Amino acid sequence: MPNSPSDSDRPRRIRVQHPGPLLVEGPVEVELEDGSTVVSDRFRVALCTCRRSRRYPWCDTSHRERTRP
């Protein structure tokens, strides 16, 4: 995914949260283990680190503990 000249001058910011996803300033292009590529043009994306997400590699908050009322 090409970046505009102003974007290439600054490093991409990634925020680590424990437990939780990696928050990446977008847009991003993610290469998966099988070699396929997924793209998001959003200004920030959450990448799953727990592998429980049904939308992997995007986080769907499956890492959160569920409490029953």
C-alpha atoms as a PDB file:
ATOM      1  CA  MET A   1       0.000   0.000   0.000  1.00  0.00           C
ATOM      2  CA  PRO A   2       1.652   3.218  -1.087  1.00  0.00           C
ATOM      3  CA  ASN A   3       2.027   5.995   1.456  1.00  0.00           C
ATOM      4  CA  SER A   4       1.899   9.681   0.704  1.00  0.00           C
ATOM      5  CA  PRO A   5       5.250  11.494   0.998  1.00  0.00           C
ATOM      6  CA  SER A   6       4.276  13.089   4.314  1.00  0.00           C
ATOM      7  CA  ASP A   7       3.385   9.663   5.781  1.00  0.00           C
ATOM      8  CA  SER A   8       6.722   8.114   4.827  1.00  0.00           C
ATOM      9  CA  ASP A   9       8.615  10.776   6.800  1.00  0.00           C
ATOM     10  CA  ARG A  10       7.188   9.702  10.139  1.00  0.00           C
ATOM     11  CA  PRO A  11       7.270   6.267  11.764  1.00  0.00           C
ATOM     12  CA  ARG A  12       4.084   4.241  12.072  1.00  0.00           C
ATOM     13  CA  ARG A  13       2.795   4.306  15.673  1.00  0.00           C
ATOM     14  CA  ILE A  14       1.811   1.019  17.352  1.00  0.00           C
ATOM     15  CA  ARG A  15       0.307   0.958  20.840  1.00  0.00           C
ATOM     16  CA  VAL A  16       0.624  -2.206  22.944  1.00  0.00           C
ATOM     17  CA  GLN A  17      -2.087  -2.982  25.503  1.00  0.00           C
ATOM     18  CA  HIS A  18      -2.007  -5.965  27.812  1.00  0.00           C
ATOM     19  CA  PRO A  19      -4.249  -7.853  27.595  1.00  0.00           C
ATOM     20  CA  GLY A  20      -5.565  -6.663  24.312  1.00  0.00           C
ATOM     21  CA  PRO A  21      -4.860  -5.939  20.682  1.00  0.00           C
ATOM     22  CA  LEU A  22      -2.091  -3.980  19.030  1.00  0.00           C
ATOM     23  CA  LEU A  23      -3.443  -0.565  18.039  1.00  0.00           C
ATOM     24  CA  VAL A  24      -1.850   0.557  14.774  1.00  0.00           C
ATOM     25  CA  GLU A  25      -2.248   3.928  13.120  1.00  0.00           C
ATOM     26  CA  GLY A  26      -3.539   3.174   9.642  1.00  0.00           C
ATOM     27  CA  PRO A  27      -3.981   2.681   6.848  1.00  0.00           C
ATOM     28  CA  VAL A  28      -2.353  -0.735   7.063  1.00  0.00           C
ATOM     29  CA  GLU A  29      -1.621  -3.775   4.953  1.00  0.00           C
ATOM     30  CA  VAL A  30      -1.175  -7.020   6.924  1.00  0.00           C
ATOM     31  CA  GLU A  31       0.506 -10.103   5.484  1.00  0.00           C
ATOM     32  CA  LEU A  32      -0.827 -13.308   7.066  1.00  0.00           C
ATOM     33  CA  GLU A  33       1.059 -16.553   7.675  1.00  0.00           C
ATOM     34  CA  ASP A  34      -0.373 -18.131   4.521  1.00  0.00           C
ATOM     35  CA  GLY A  35       0.963 -15.265   2.417  1.00  0.00           C
ATOM     36  CA  SER A  36      -2.414 -13.617   1.825  1.00  0.00           C
ATOM     37  CA  THR A  37      -2.789  -9.893   2.448  1.00  0.00           C
ATOM     38  CA  VAL A  38      -5.593  -7.963   4.126  1.00  0.00           C
ATOM     39  CA  VAL A  39      -5.943  -4.189   3.914  1.00  0.00           C
ATOM     40  CA  SER A  40      -7.647  -1.567   6.046  1.00  0.00           C
ATOM     41  CA  ASP A  41      -7.831   2.118   5.175  1.00  0.00           C
ATOM     42  CA  ARG A  42      -9.095   3.128   8.625  1.00  0.00           C
ATOM     43  CA  PHE A  43      -7.136   5.738  10.617  1.00  0.00           C
ATOM     44  CA  ARG A  44      -6.538   3.197  13.438  1.00  0.00           C
ATOM     45  CA  VAL A  45      -6.905  -0.577  13.485  1.00  0.00           C
ATOM     46  CA  ALA A  46      -6.815  -3.146  16.285  1.00  0.00           C
ATOM     47  CA  LEU A  47      -4.791  -6.258  15.450  1.00  0.00           C
ATOM     48  CA  CYS A  48      -5.709  -9.402  17.396  1.00  0.00           C
ATOM     49  CA  THR A  49      -2.939 -10.925  19.515  1.00  0.00           C
ATOM     50  CA  CYS A  50      -4.962 -13.651  21.275  1.00  0.00           C
ATOM     51  CA  ARG A  51      -6.134 -15.406  18.064  1.00  0.00           C
ATOM     52  CA  ARG A  52      -9.699 -15.772  19.445  1.00  0.00           C
ATOM     53  CA  SER A  53     -11.132 -13.214  17.046  1.00  0.00           C
ATOM     54  CA  ARG A  54     -13.655 -14.400  14.469  1.00  0.00           C
ATOM     55  CA  ARG A  55     -12.429 -11.545  12.254  1.00  0.00           C
ATOM     56  CA  TYR A  56      -8.693 -12.359  12.594  1.00  0.00           C
ATOM     57  CA  PRO A  57      -6.345 -10.490  12.102  1.00  0.00           C
ATOM     58  CA  TRP A  58      -8.725  -7.713  13.225  1.00  0.00           C
ATOM     59  CA  CYS A  59      -9.676  -7.695  16.914  1.00  0.00           C
ATOM     60  CA  ASP A  60     -13.336  -8.279  17.823  1.00  0.00           C
ATOM     61  CA  THR A  61     -12.748  -8.017  21.627  1.00  0.00           C
ATOM     62  CA  SER A  62     -12.868 -11.808  22.123  1.00  0.00           C
ATOM     63  CA  HIS A  63      -9.924 -11.412  24.526  1.00  0.00           C
ATOM     64  CA  ARG A  64     -12.204  -9.783  27.116  1.00  0.00           C
ATOM     65  CA  GLU A  65     -13.442 -11.917  29.974  1.00  0.00           C
ATOM     66  CA  ARG A  66     -17.172 -12.456  29.846  1.00  0.00           C
ATOM     67  CA  THR A  67     -19.137 -12.098  33.054  1.00  0.00           C
ATOM     68  CA  ARG A  68     -22.599 -13.491  33.516  1.00  0.00           C
ATOM     69  CA  PRO A  69     -25.202 -11.323  35.241  1.00  0.00           C
END
